[in-house]
Amino acid sequence: MKATVIHRAKHDKNTRHKTIKTTVHPAMKELSRMIEAGEVHRGRTIAYLEKGQQP
């Protein structure tokens, strides 16, 4: 019986660290503040950010 080898992309390893860095970024802090203050629409902003992450 052969051992199964699973190939993973390099970028798949540190998703937790990237998420933490993104939330600490000054622009993301400002965006969060604007959402909380009601200056921008929360749903539209999240949809726009998710759309940008799609390949």
N, C-alpha and C. Protein backbone atom coordinates (compact mmCIF):
# COMPACT_ATOMS: atom_id res chain seq x y z
N MET A 1 0.85 -1.18 0.00
CA MET A 1 0.00 0.00 0.00
C MET A 1 0.90 1.24 0.00
N LYS A 2 0.64 2.15 -0.93
CA LYS A 2 1.42 3.38 -1.03
C LYS A 2 0.86 4.44 -0.08
N ALA A 3 1.77 5.27 0.41
CA ALA A 3 1.35 6.38 1.26
C ALA A 3 0.74 7.48 0.39
N THR A 4 -0.29 8.10 0.89
CA THR A 4 -0.94 9.19 0.17
C THR A 4 -0.20 10.49 0.46
N VAL A 5 0.09 11.23 -0.58
CA VAL A 5 0.76 12.52 -0.43
C VAL A 5 -0.21 13.62 -0.80
N ILE A 6 -0.35 14.59 0.07
CA ILE A 6 -1.25 15.70 -0.17
C ILE A 6 -0.39 16.93 -0.45
N HIS A 7 -0.60 17.52 -1.63
CA HIS A 7 0.14 18.73 -2.00
C HIS A 7 -0.68 19.95 -1.63
N ARG A 8 -0.05 20.87 -0.92
CA ARG A 8 -0.73 22.10 -0.53
C ARG A 8 0.04 23.28 -1.06
N ALA A 9 -0.68 24.31 -1.38
CA ALA A 9 -0.03 25.54 -1.83
C ALA A 9 0.68 26.20 -0.65
N LYS A 10 1.74 26.92 -0.92
CA LYS A 10 2.49 27.58 0.15
C LYS A 10 1.64 28.62 0.88
N HIS A 11 0.80 29.31 0.14
CA HIS A 11 0.00 30.36 0.77
C HIS A 11 -1.09 29.81 1.69
N ASP A 12 -1.29 28.51 1.67
CA ASP A 12 -2.33 27.88 2.46
C ASP A 12 -1.91 27.68 3.92
N LYS A 13 -0.66 27.92 4.25
CA LYS A 13 -0.15 27.60 5.57
C LYS A 13 -0.45 28.67 6.62
N ASN A 14 -0.25 29.92 6.29
CA ASN A 14 -0.28 30.98 7.30
C ASN A 14 -1.50 31.88 7.19
N THR A 15 -2.65 31.33 6.95
CA THR A 15 -3.84 32.18 6.79
C THR A 15 -4.19 32.90 8.09
N ARG A 16 -3.93 32.28 9.22
CA ARG A 16 -4.24 32.91 10.51
C ARG A 16 -3.38 34.16 10.69
N HIS A 17 -2.10 34.07 10.38
CA HIS A 17 -1.21 35.21 10.55
C HIS A 17 -1.57 36.34 9.60
N LYS A 18 -1.97 36.03 8.38
CA LYS A 18 -2.35 37.07 7.44
C LYS A 18 -3.61 37.79 7.91
N THR A 19 -4.53 37.04 8.48
CA THR A 19 -5.76 37.63 8.97
C THR A 19 -5.47 38.59 10.11
N ILE A 20 -4.59 38.21 10.99
CA ILE A 20 -4.24 39.07 12.11
C ILE A 20 -3.58 40.35 11.60
N LYS A 21 -2.66 40.24 10.66
CA LYS A 21 -1.99 41.40 10.11
C LYS A 21 -2.98 42.34 9.42
N THR A 22 -3.97 41.77 8.73
CA THR A 22 -4.96 42.58 8.03
C THR A 22 -5.80 43.39 9.01
N THR A 23 -6.19 42.79 10.11
CA THR A 23 -7.04 43.50 11.07
C THR A 23 -6.27 44.58 11.83
N VAL A 24 -4.95 44.47 11.90
CA VAL A 24 -4.13 45.45 12.59
C VAL A 24 -3.77 46.62 11.67
N HIS A 25 -3.93 46.44 10.38
CA HIS A 25 -3.56 47.46 9.40
C HIS A 25 -4.39 48.73 9.66
N PRO A 26 -3.75 49.91 9.61
CA PRO A 26 -4.48 51.16 9.90
C PRO A 26 -5.69 51.39 9.00
N ALA A 27 -5.60 51.01 7.73
CA ALA A 27 -6.74 51.21 6.83
C ALA A 27 -7.93 50.34 7.24
N MET A 28 -7.66 49.12 7.71
CA MET A 28 -8.75 48.25 8.14
C MET A 28 -9.36 48.75 9.45
N LYS A 29 -8.53 49.32 10.32
CA LYS A 29 -9.07 49.91 11.55
C LYS A 29 -10.00 51.07 11.21
N GLU A 30 -9.57 51.91 10.26
CA GLU A 30 -10.40 53.04 9.85
C GLU A 30 -11.70 52.56 9.20
N LEU A 31 -11.62 51.51 8.37
CA LEU A 31 -12.82 50.96 7.75
C LEU A 31 -13.78 50.43 8.80
N SER A 32 -13.26 49.74 9.80
CA SER A 32 -14.11 49.24 10.89
C SER A 32 -14.78 50.38 11.62
N ARG A 33 -14.04 51.46 11.87
CA ARG A 33 -14.60 52.62 12.54
C ARG A 33 -15.73 53.24 11.71
N MET A 34 -15.50 53.33 10.38
CA MET A 34 -16.51 53.91 9.50
C MET A 34 -17.77 53.05 9.45
N ILE A 35 -17.61 51.74 9.47
CA ILE A 35 -18.77 50.85 9.48
C ILE A 35 -19.55 51.02 10.77
N GLU A 36 -18.84 51.06 11.90
CA GLU A 36 -19.51 51.23 13.20
C GLU A 36 -20.22 52.57 13.30
N ALA A 37 -19.65 53.60 12.70
CA ALA A 37 -20.26 54.94 12.75
C ALA A 37 -21.40 55.09 11.75
N GLY A 38 -21.56 54.11 10.86
CA GLY A 38 -22.62 54.19 9.87
C GLY A 38 -22.27 55.03 8.65
N GLU A 39 -21.00 55.34 8.48
CA GLU A 39 -20.57 56.15 7.35
C GLU A 39 -20.57 55.37 6.04
N VAL A 40 -20.40 54.06 6.12
CA VAL A 40 -20.45 53.20 4.94
C VAL A 40 -21.39 52.03 5.23
N HIS A 41 -21.94 51.44 4.18
CA HIS A 41 -22.88 50.33 4.31
C HIS A 41 -22.10 49.04 4.55
N ARG A 42 -22.37 48.38 5.67
CA ARG A 42 -21.63 47.18 6.08
C ARG A 42 -21.73 46.05 5.07
N GLY A 43 -22.91 45.72 4.62
CA GLY A 43 -23.11 44.61 3.70
C GLY A 43 -22.42 44.82 2.36
N ARG A 44 -22.54 46.02 1.82
CA ARG A 44 -21.91 46.33 0.53
C ARG A 44 -20.39 46.29 0.65
N THR A 45 -19.86 46.79 1.77
CA THR A 45 -18.41 46.81 1.98
C THR A 45 -17.86 45.40 2.08
N ILE A 46 -18.51 44.55 2.84
CA ILE A 46 -18.06 43.16 2.99
C ILE A 46 -18.15 42.43 1.66
N ALA A 47 -19.22 42.63 0.91
CA ALA A 47 -19.37 41.99 -0.40
C ALA A 47 -18.25 42.43 -1.34
N TYR A 48 -17.91 43.71 -1.30
CA TYR A 48 -16.84 44.24 -2.16
C TYR A 48 -15.49 43.62 -1.77
N LEU A 49 -15.20 43.51 -0.49
CA LEU A 49 -13.94 42.93 -0.05
C LEU A 49 -13.84 41.45 -0.38
N GLU A 50 -14.94 40.72 -0.22
CA GLU A 50 -14.95 39.29 -0.56
C GLU A 50 -14.79 39.09 -2.06
N LYS A 51 -15.40 39.96 -2.86
CA LYS A 51 -15.28 39.86 -4.31
C LYS A 51 -13.83 40.05 -4.74
N GLY A 52 -13.11 40.91 -4.07
CA GLY A 52 -11.72 41.16 -4.39
C GLY A 52 -10.81 40.00 -4.06
N GLN A 53 -11.23 39.11 -3.17
CA GLN A 53 -10.41 37.96 -2.78
C GLN A 53 -10.57 36.79 -3.73
N GLN A 54 -11.60 36.79 -4.54
CA GLN A 54 -11.83 35.70 -5.49
C GLN A 54 -10.78 35.75 -6.60
N PRO A 55 -10.21 34.61 -7.01
CA PRO A 55 -9.22 34.60 -8.09
C PRO A 55 -9.80 34.88 -9.45
